[in-house]
Amino acid sequence: MLLIVDGNNVAWAGFHALRRPMGANTPEKYIRAALLGLTQSVIGFAVRAGEPPDANPRRDGQPGLFDSPGERTSRLVVAFDEGRPLRRRAVFPPYQTGRESDPNFMEFEQYVLEGIREFSEMAKACLPVSILRGVNTEADDLIATEALAAPGPVRICSTDRDFLQLVGERISIYSPVKRLVITTDNFGDATAPKAADGTAVAFPRERYLDYRAASGDASDNLPGIPGVGALSAAKLVGALPLDAYFEDPAQITAILGRRSARIDAAFASGEAQEAVTRNRALMDLRLASANYPTLDPYRTAGTWDEPAFRAWVKEQRISALEVESAVGCMAYIAAQ
């Protein structure tokens, strides 16, 4: 199985998870928190083949969950953002600018990026991993391109909900925060928003992109249709394809069971269609992957060097890493 890790997503999560427990309060400690969080996550994902940690540790001699070759990580790719998302900002200048106005993001970004640099140098020197990175290029696009081109099963490790549009018979998503693997079997349960009474509002998997286009993405500073939130977007795309409402907006009131002056005005003015068209162009990862006929200019391949890896782990004092499991996993990947 090809395992693809969303590097910046994981590096930031690891940094925030370790910064306070480590008592990080200097630039050196901030960098170390990012480096250790990223390293432990990437190698942990690879060892577990993108599955959640086992709540019940194995007893001696007990068979492992991933002892079957078909369930093991056979290729490992880590993709990183670099610079700013200029391609998408050419379409919508405010894209992701909210992060740059966040004092916490700007304060710690340099340390997380240095942690990523140090991890990448180590990985190139002694791990059987491909690093994907390009100047002013988003990792999302590189990950989607790699995943869609792969011939066999793929698991993407990320909390970024944009990747859910890729879920299919070959591609699954592991969300580290939820500790949940999302596949075609549980897609509805994993993505459906809930009404006030707890009722889940599911919609067809193939309409996930339009669900996101209609509701927007606050984390990327992308507004959706005015008046349409996650729940109303799910109701709309669950009942009909989104384009049906542009052809006949009168159906909106019947589907939502209420009248919304904001939504009516957005559809009447064309603002709704403009927002959806823009968001489809920005969010559609299959469309984005067409910009990358080859990933060769973005790829750097590492080489497995067990003594060097063991020495690096010892030097960094990564006590939380199960070294023997890591070595066994990396040796297996290198042999493929």
Protein backbone atom coordinates (compact mmCIF):
# COMPACT_ATOMS: atom_id res chain seq x y z
CA MET A 1 0.00 0.00 0.00
CA LEU A 2 1.14 3.53 -0.83
CA LEU A 3 1.03 5.75 2.26
CA ILE A 4 1.02 9.51 1.66
CA VAL A 5 1.47 11.92 4.57
CA ASP A 6 0.35 15.54 4.47
CA GLY A 7 3.58 16.89 5.92
CA ASN A 8 2.69 20.45 6.97
CA ASN A 9 -0.62 19.29 8.41
CA VAL A 10 1.15 16.67 10.51
CA ALA A 11 4.07 18.94 11.45
CA TRP A 12 1.77 21.63 12.87
CA ALA A 13 -0.33 19.04 14.72
CA GLY A 14 2.82 17.48 16.20
CA PHE A 15 4.20 20.88 17.15
CA HIS A 16 1.06 21.87 19.06
CA ALA A 17 0.82 18.43 20.69
CA LEU A 18 4.41 18.55 22.02
CA ARG A 19 5.14 22.24 22.58
CA ARG A 20 3.61 22.54 26.03
CA PRO A 21 4.42 19.03 27.34
CA MET A 22 8.05 19.61 26.31
CA GLY A 23 8.08 23.02 27.98
CA ALA A 24 9.25 24.54 24.70
CA ASN A 25 9.99 28.22 25.22
CA THR A 26 13.01 28.92 23.01
CA PRO A 27 13.53 28.78 19.24
CA GLU A 28 15.62 25.60 19.61
CA LYS A 29 12.89 23.86 21.61
CA TYR A 30 10.16 25.01 19.22
CA ILE A 31 12.08 23.49 16.31
CA ARG A 32 12.63 20.30 18.25
CA ALA A 33 8.91 20.01 19.06
CA ALA A 34 8.06 20.32 15.35
CA LEU A 35 10.80 17.90 14.30
CA LEU A 36 9.91 15.22 16.84
CA GLY A 37 6.18 15.55 16.28
CA LEU A 38 6.61 15.19 12.54
CA THR A 39 9.11 12.31 12.76
CA GLN A 40 7.11 10.27 15.27
CA SER A 41 3.91 10.78 13.29
CA VAL A 42 5.31 9.87 9.87
CA ILE A 43 7.09 6.77 11.10
CA GLY A 44 4.17 5.78 13.30
CA PHE A 45 1.78 6.05 10.36
CA ALA A 46 4.10 3.91 8.25
CA VAL A 47 4.50 1.22 10.92
CA ARG A 48 0.73 1.00 11.41
CA ALA A 49 0.00 1.25 7.67
CA GLY A 50 -2.16 4.29 8.27
CA GLU A 51 -4.30 2.69 10.95
CA PRO A 52 -5.12 4.17 14.39
CA PRO A 53 -2.91 3.19 17.32
CA ASP A 54 -3.97 -0.05 18.98
CA ALA A 55 -5.72 0.68 22.25
CA ASN A 56 -4.61 -2.74 23.54
CA PRO A 57 -0.84 -3.30 23.23
CA ARG A 58 0.24 -6.67 21.82
CA ARG A 59 1.37 -9.43 24.10
CA ASP A 60 4.66 -11.19 23.40
CA GLY A 61 4.22 -13.67 20.57
CA GLN A 62 0.83 -12.30 19.55
CA PRO A 63 0.49 -11.86 15.75
CA GLY A 64 0.64 -8.26 14.59
CA LEU A 65 -2.19 -6.54 12.77
CA PHE A 66 0.04 -5.81 9.77
CA ASP A 67 1.99 -9.05 9.50
CA SER A 68 0.20 -9.78 6.22
CA PRO A 69 2.19 -8.24 3.31
CA GLY A 70 -1.03 -6.97 1.72
CA GLU A 71 -1.68 -4.76 4.72
CA ARG A 72 1.78 -3.24 5.09
CA THR A 73 3.14 0.07 3.88
CA SER A 74 5.08 -0.68 0.70
CA ARG A 75 5.74 2.92 -0.39
CA LEU A 76 6.03 6.06 1.73
CA VAL A 77 5.58 9.61 0.45
CA VAL A 78 5.58 12.82 2.48
CA ALA A 79 4.42 16.03 0.79
CA PHE A 80 5.02 19.57 1.99
CA ASP A 81 3.77 23.05 1.15
CA GLU A 82 6.39 25.62 0.30
CA GLY A 83 5.91 29.37 0.07
CA ARG A 84 2.40 30.66 -0.55
CA PRO A 85 -0.46 29.24 -2.69
CA LEU A 86 0.03 31.62 -5.60
CA ARG A 87 -1.99 29.61 -8.16
CA ARG A 88 -5.13 29.75 -6.05
CA ARG A 89 -4.54 33.34 -4.98
CA ALA A 90 -4.51 34.31 -8.64
CA VAL A 91 -8.13 33.09 -8.71
CA PHE A 92 -9.13 34.37 -5.26
CA PRO A 93 -6.61 36.75 -3.60
CA PRO A 94 -7.93 36.28 -0.01
CA TYR A 95 -7.28 32.51 -0.18
CA GLN A 96 -5.61 31.35 3.07
CA THR A 97 -4.69 34.91 4.04
CA GLY A 98 -6.40 34.41 7.40
CA ARG A 99 -3.42 32.34 8.52
CA GLU A 100 -1.05 35.20 7.83
CA SER A 101 -3.09 37.53 10.03
CA ASP A 102 -3.00 35.01 12.89
CA PRO A 103 -0.23 36.06 15.32
CA ASN A 104 0.26 32.49 16.56
CA PHE A 105 0.75 31.17 13.03
CA MET A 106 3.21 33.88 12.10
CA GLU A 107 5.12 33.54 15.39
CA PHE A 108 5.69 29.81 15.10
CA GLU A 109 5.78 29.28 11.32
CA GLN A 110 9.55 29.76 11.05
CA TYR A 111 10.18 27.08 13.68
CA VAL A 112 7.80 24.57 12.14
CA LEU A 113 9.38 25.16 8.73
CA GLU A 114 12.84 24.60 10.20
CA GLY A 115 11.60 21.35 11.76
CA ILE A 116 10.32 20.32 8.34
CA ARG A 117 13.69 21.17 6.76
CA GLU A 118 15.59 19.10 9.30
CA PHE A 119 13.19 16.17 8.88
CA SER A 120 13.54 16.35 5.10
CA GLU A 121 17.33 16.33 5.30
CA MET A 122 17.26 13.30 7.59
CA ALA A 123 14.71 11.50 5.40
CA LYS A 124 16.75 12.07 2.25
CA ALA A 125 19.87 10.78 3.98
CA CYS A 126 18.56 7.59 5.56
CA LEU A 127 14.87 6.79 4.93
CA PRO A 128 13.24 5.02 1.96
CA VAL A 129 10.82 7.89 1.45
CA SER A 130 9.88 10.24 -1.37
CA ILE A 131 9.63 13.92 -0.43
CA LEU A 132 7.27 15.98 -2.62
CA ARG A 133 7.71 19.75 -2.48
CA GLY A 134 7.64 22.68 -4.87
CA VAL A 135 8.10 26.43 -4.55
CA ASN A 136 4.75 28.20 -3.99
CA THR A 137 3.01 24.86 -4.44
CA GLU A 138 0.43 23.31 -2.13
CA ALA A 139 0.98 19.80 -0.85
CA ASP A 140 -2.72 19.05 -1.49
CA ASP A 141 -2.16 19.17 -5.24
CA LEU A 142 0.95 16.99 -5.14
CA ILE A 143 -0.76 14.46 -2.86
CA ALA A 144 -3.82 14.24 -5.09
CA THR A 145 -1.65 13.79 -8.20
CA GLU A 146 0.36 11.02 -6.55
CA ALA A 147 -2.72 9.26 -5.18
CA LEU A 148 -4.74 9.39 -8.40
CA ALA A 149 -1.83 8.05 -10.47
CA ALA A 150 -1.01 5.14 -8.14
CA PRO A 151 -2.08 1.73 -9.45
CA GLY A 152 -2.87 0.11 -6.10
CA PRO A 153 -4.38 1.00 -2.74
CA VAL A 154 -3.52 4.42 -1.29
CA ARG A 155 -3.98 5.85 2.18
CA ILE A 156 -3.63 9.58 2.83
CA CYS A 157 -2.83 10.71 6.37
CA SER A 158 -4.25 14.16 7.02
CA THR A 159 -6.93 16.07 8.90
CA ASP A 160 -7.60 18.20 5.79
CA ARG A 161 -11.19 17.55 4.74
CA ASP A 162 -10.47 18.42 1.11
CA PHE A 163 -8.97 14.94 0.64
CA LEU A 164 -12.34 13.32 1.36
CA GLN A 165 -13.38 14.08 -2.21
CA LEU A 166 -10.83 11.46 -3.32
CA VAL A 167 -12.23 8.57 -1.24
CA GLY A 168 -13.01 5.62 -3.47
CA GLU A 169 -12.32 1.94 -3.95
CA ARG A 170 -8.53 2.57 -4.00
CA ILE A 171 -8.12 5.68 -1.86
CA SER A 172 -8.87 5.99 1.86
CA ILE A 173 -8.10 8.71 4.40
CA TYR A 174 -6.70 8.40 7.91
CA SER A 175 -7.60 11.34 10.16
CA PRO A 176 -5.06 11.34 13.03
CA VAL A 177 -7.10 13.63 15.29
CA LYS A 178 -10.26 11.54 14.99
CA ARG A 179 -8.17 8.34 14.85
CA LEU A 180 -10.50 7.25 12.10
CA VAL A 181 -9.94 5.64 8.70
CA ILE A 182 -12.51 6.89 6.20
CA THR A 183 -13.44 4.57 3.34
CA THR A 184 -16.41 4.06 1.04
CA ASP A 185 -18.00 1.95 3.79
CA ASN A 186 -18.21 4.64 6.47
CA PHE A 187 -18.04 7.77 4.30
CA GLY A 188 -21.60 8.85 5.03
CA ASP A 189 -21.24 8.53 8.79
CA ALA A 190 -17.86 10.28 8.77
CA THR A 191 -18.91 13.30 6.69
CA ALA A 192 -22.59 13.91 7.47
CA PRO A 193 -23.26 16.97 9.65
CA LYS A 194 -25.81 16.58 12.41
CA ALA A 195 -28.98 18.53 13.04
CA ALA A 196 -29.80 19.94 16.47
CA ASP A 197 -31.64 16.75 17.39
CA GLY A 198 -28.59 14.64 16.54
CA THR A 199 -29.92 13.39 13.21
CA ALA A 200 -27.16 12.97 10.63
CA VAL A 201 -27.80 14.54 7.22
CA ALA A 202 -26.01 12.31 4.73
CA PHE A 203 -25.43 12.97 1.04
CA PRO A 204 -23.96 11.00 -1.89
CA ARG A 205 -20.19 10.59 -1.80
CA GLU A 206 -19.83 11.86 -5.36
CA ARG A 207 -21.34 15.20 -4.29
CA TYR A 208 -18.82 15.85 -1.52
CA LEU A 209 -16.99 18.50 -3.56
CA ASP A 210 -20.23 20.42 -4.12
CA TYR A 211 -21.11 20.09 -0.45
CA ARG A 212 -17.83 21.84 0.34
CA ALA A 213 -18.24 24.36 -2.48
CA ALA A 214 -21.67 25.35 -1.20
CA SER A 215 -20.71 25.59 2.48
CA GLY A 216 -17.23 27.10 2.00
CA ASP A 217 -14.09 26.58 4.05
CA ALA A 218 -13.34 29.08 6.80
CA SER A 219 -9.85 27.63 7.36
CA ASP A 220 -8.92 28.65 3.81
CA ASN A 221 -10.86 31.93 3.98
CA LEU A 222 -13.27 30.67 1.31
CA PRO A 223 -16.88 31.78 1.75
CA GLY A 224 -19.66 29.56 0.46
CA ILE A 225 -23.14 30.51 -0.69
CA PRO A 226 -24.45 33.29 1.60
CA GLY A 227 -26.82 31.78 4.15
CA VAL A 228 -25.74 28.20 3.43
CA GLY A 229 -23.92 26.37 6.23
CA ALA A 230 -22.82 22.76 6.54
CA LEU A 231 -26.29 21.48 7.46
CA SER A 232 -28.19 23.27 4.72
CA ALA A 233 -25.51 22.34 2.15
CA ALA A 234 -25.86 18.68 3.11
CA LYS A 235 -29.63 18.85 2.77
CA LEU A 236 -29.40 20.49 -0.64
CA VAL A 237 -26.82 18.15 -2.22
CA GLY A 238 -28.42 15.17 -0.49
CA ALA A 239 -31.65 15.82 -2.34
CA LEU A 240 -30.45 17.00 -5.76
CA PRO A 241 -27.27 17.83 -7.68
CA LEU A 242 -26.23 21.37 -6.80
CA ASP A 243 -26.67 22.65 -10.36
CA ALA A 244 -30.38 21.80 -10.20
CA TYR A 245 -30.91 24.72 -7.82
CA PHE A 246 -29.35 27.16 -10.26
CA GLU A 247 -31.86 26.02 -12.85
CA ASP A 248 -34.81 26.12 -10.44
CA PRO A 249 -34.11 28.01 -7.17
CA ALA A 250 -37.71 27.50 -6.03
CA GLN A 251 -36.75 23.96 -4.98
CA ILE A 252 -34.52 25.31 -2.22
CA THR A 253 -37.38 26.27 0.11
CA ALA A 254 -39.02 22.87 -0.30
CA ILE A 255 -35.79 21.00 0.45
CA LEU A 256 -34.77 23.12 3.44
CA GLY A 257 -38.32 23.37 4.78
CA ARG A 258 -37.94 27.09 5.35
CA ARG A 259 -37.50 30.34 3.50
CA SER A 260 -34.16 32.17 3.68
CA ALA A 261 -33.98 35.72 2.37
CA ARG A 262 -30.15 35.54 2.20
CA ILE A 263 -30.14 32.34 0.18
CA ASP A 264 -32.92 33.55 -2.12
CA ALA A 265 -31.05 36.79 -2.76
CA ALA A 266 -27.78 34.96 -3.45
CA PHE A 267 -29.39 32.74 -6.07
CA ALA A 268 -31.38 35.59 -7.62
CA SER A 269 -28.31 37.82 -7.95
CA GLY A 270 -25.99 35.14 -9.29
CA GLU A 271 -23.76 35.37 -6.20
CA ALA A 272 -24.48 31.75 -5.32
CA GLN A 273 -23.38 30.42 -8.70
CA GLU A 274 -20.32 32.66 -8.66
CA ALA A 275 -19.27 31.33 -5.24
CA VAL A 276 -19.79 27.70 -6.25
CA THR A 277 -17.95 28.11 -9.56
CA ARG A 278 -15.00 29.74 -7.77
CA ASN A 279 -14.92 27.18 -4.98
CA ARG A 280 -15.10 24.25 -7.39
CA ALA A 281 -12.09 25.66 -9.25
CA LEU A 282 -10.14 26.10 -6.00
CA MET A 283 -11.20 22.93 -4.18
CA ASP A 284 -11.32 20.31 -6.94
CA LEU A 285 -8.18 18.21 -6.43
CA ARG A 286 -8.78 16.14 -9.56
CA LEU A 287 -8.81 19.34 -11.56
CA ALA A 288 -5.67 20.54 -9.77
CA SER A 289 -3.81 17.32 -10.51
CA ALA A 290 -4.12 18.04 -14.23
CA ASN A 291 -1.53 20.80 -13.70
CA TYR A 292 1.09 18.17 -12.85
CA PRO A 293 1.68 15.80 -15.78
CA THR A 294 4.74 14.56 -13.89
CA LEU A 295 5.88 14.96 -10.31
CA ASP A 296 9.54 14.39 -11.12
CA PRO A 297 10.53 18.06 -10.63
CA TYR A 298 8.96 17.99 -7.16
CA ARG A 299 10.29 14.64 -5.95
CA THR A 300 13.38 13.87 -3.89
CA ALA A 301 14.01 10.21 -3.07
CA GLY A 302 15.69 9.13 0.14
CA THR A 303 17.88 6.05 0.57
CA TRP A 304 17.50 3.58 3.41
CA ASP A 305 20.54 3.58 5.69
CA GLU A 306 19.77 1.66 8.86
CA PRO A 307 22.96 2.55 10.83
CA ALA A 308 22.51 6.23 9.99
CA PHE A 309 18.84 6.15 11.00
CA ARG A 310 19.61 4.45 14.31
CA ALA A 311 22.37 6.97 15.00
CA TRP A 312 20.06 9.88 14.22
CA VAL A 313 17.31 8.58 16.51
CA LYS A 314 19.86 8.16 19.31
CA GLU A 315 21.30 11.61 18.72
CA GLN A 316 17.84 13.19 18.80
CA ARG A 317 16.82 11.19 21.89
CA ILE A 318 13.45 10.20 20.43
CA SER A 319 12.33 7.98 23.27
CA ALA A 320 8.72 7.71 22.08
CA LEU A 321 9.75 6.01 18.84
CA GLU A 322 9.65 2.21 18.71
CA VAL A 323 12.97 1.85 16.94
CA GLU A 324 12.81 -1.86 16.10
CA SER A 325 9.31 -1.55 14.63
CA ALA A 326 10.46 1.50 12.66
CA VAL A 327 13.54 -0.29 11.34
CA GLY A 328 11.49 -3.32 10.31
CA CYS A 329 8.97 -1.16 8.51
CA MET A 330 11.59 0.93 6.69
CA ALA A 331 13.57 -2.16 5.68
CA TYR A 332 10.39 -3.66 4.22
CA ILE A 333 9.64 -0.50 2.24
CA ALA A 334 13.21 -0.33 0.96
CA ALA A 335 13.01 -3.93 -0.26
CA GLN A 336 9.94 -3.33 -2.42
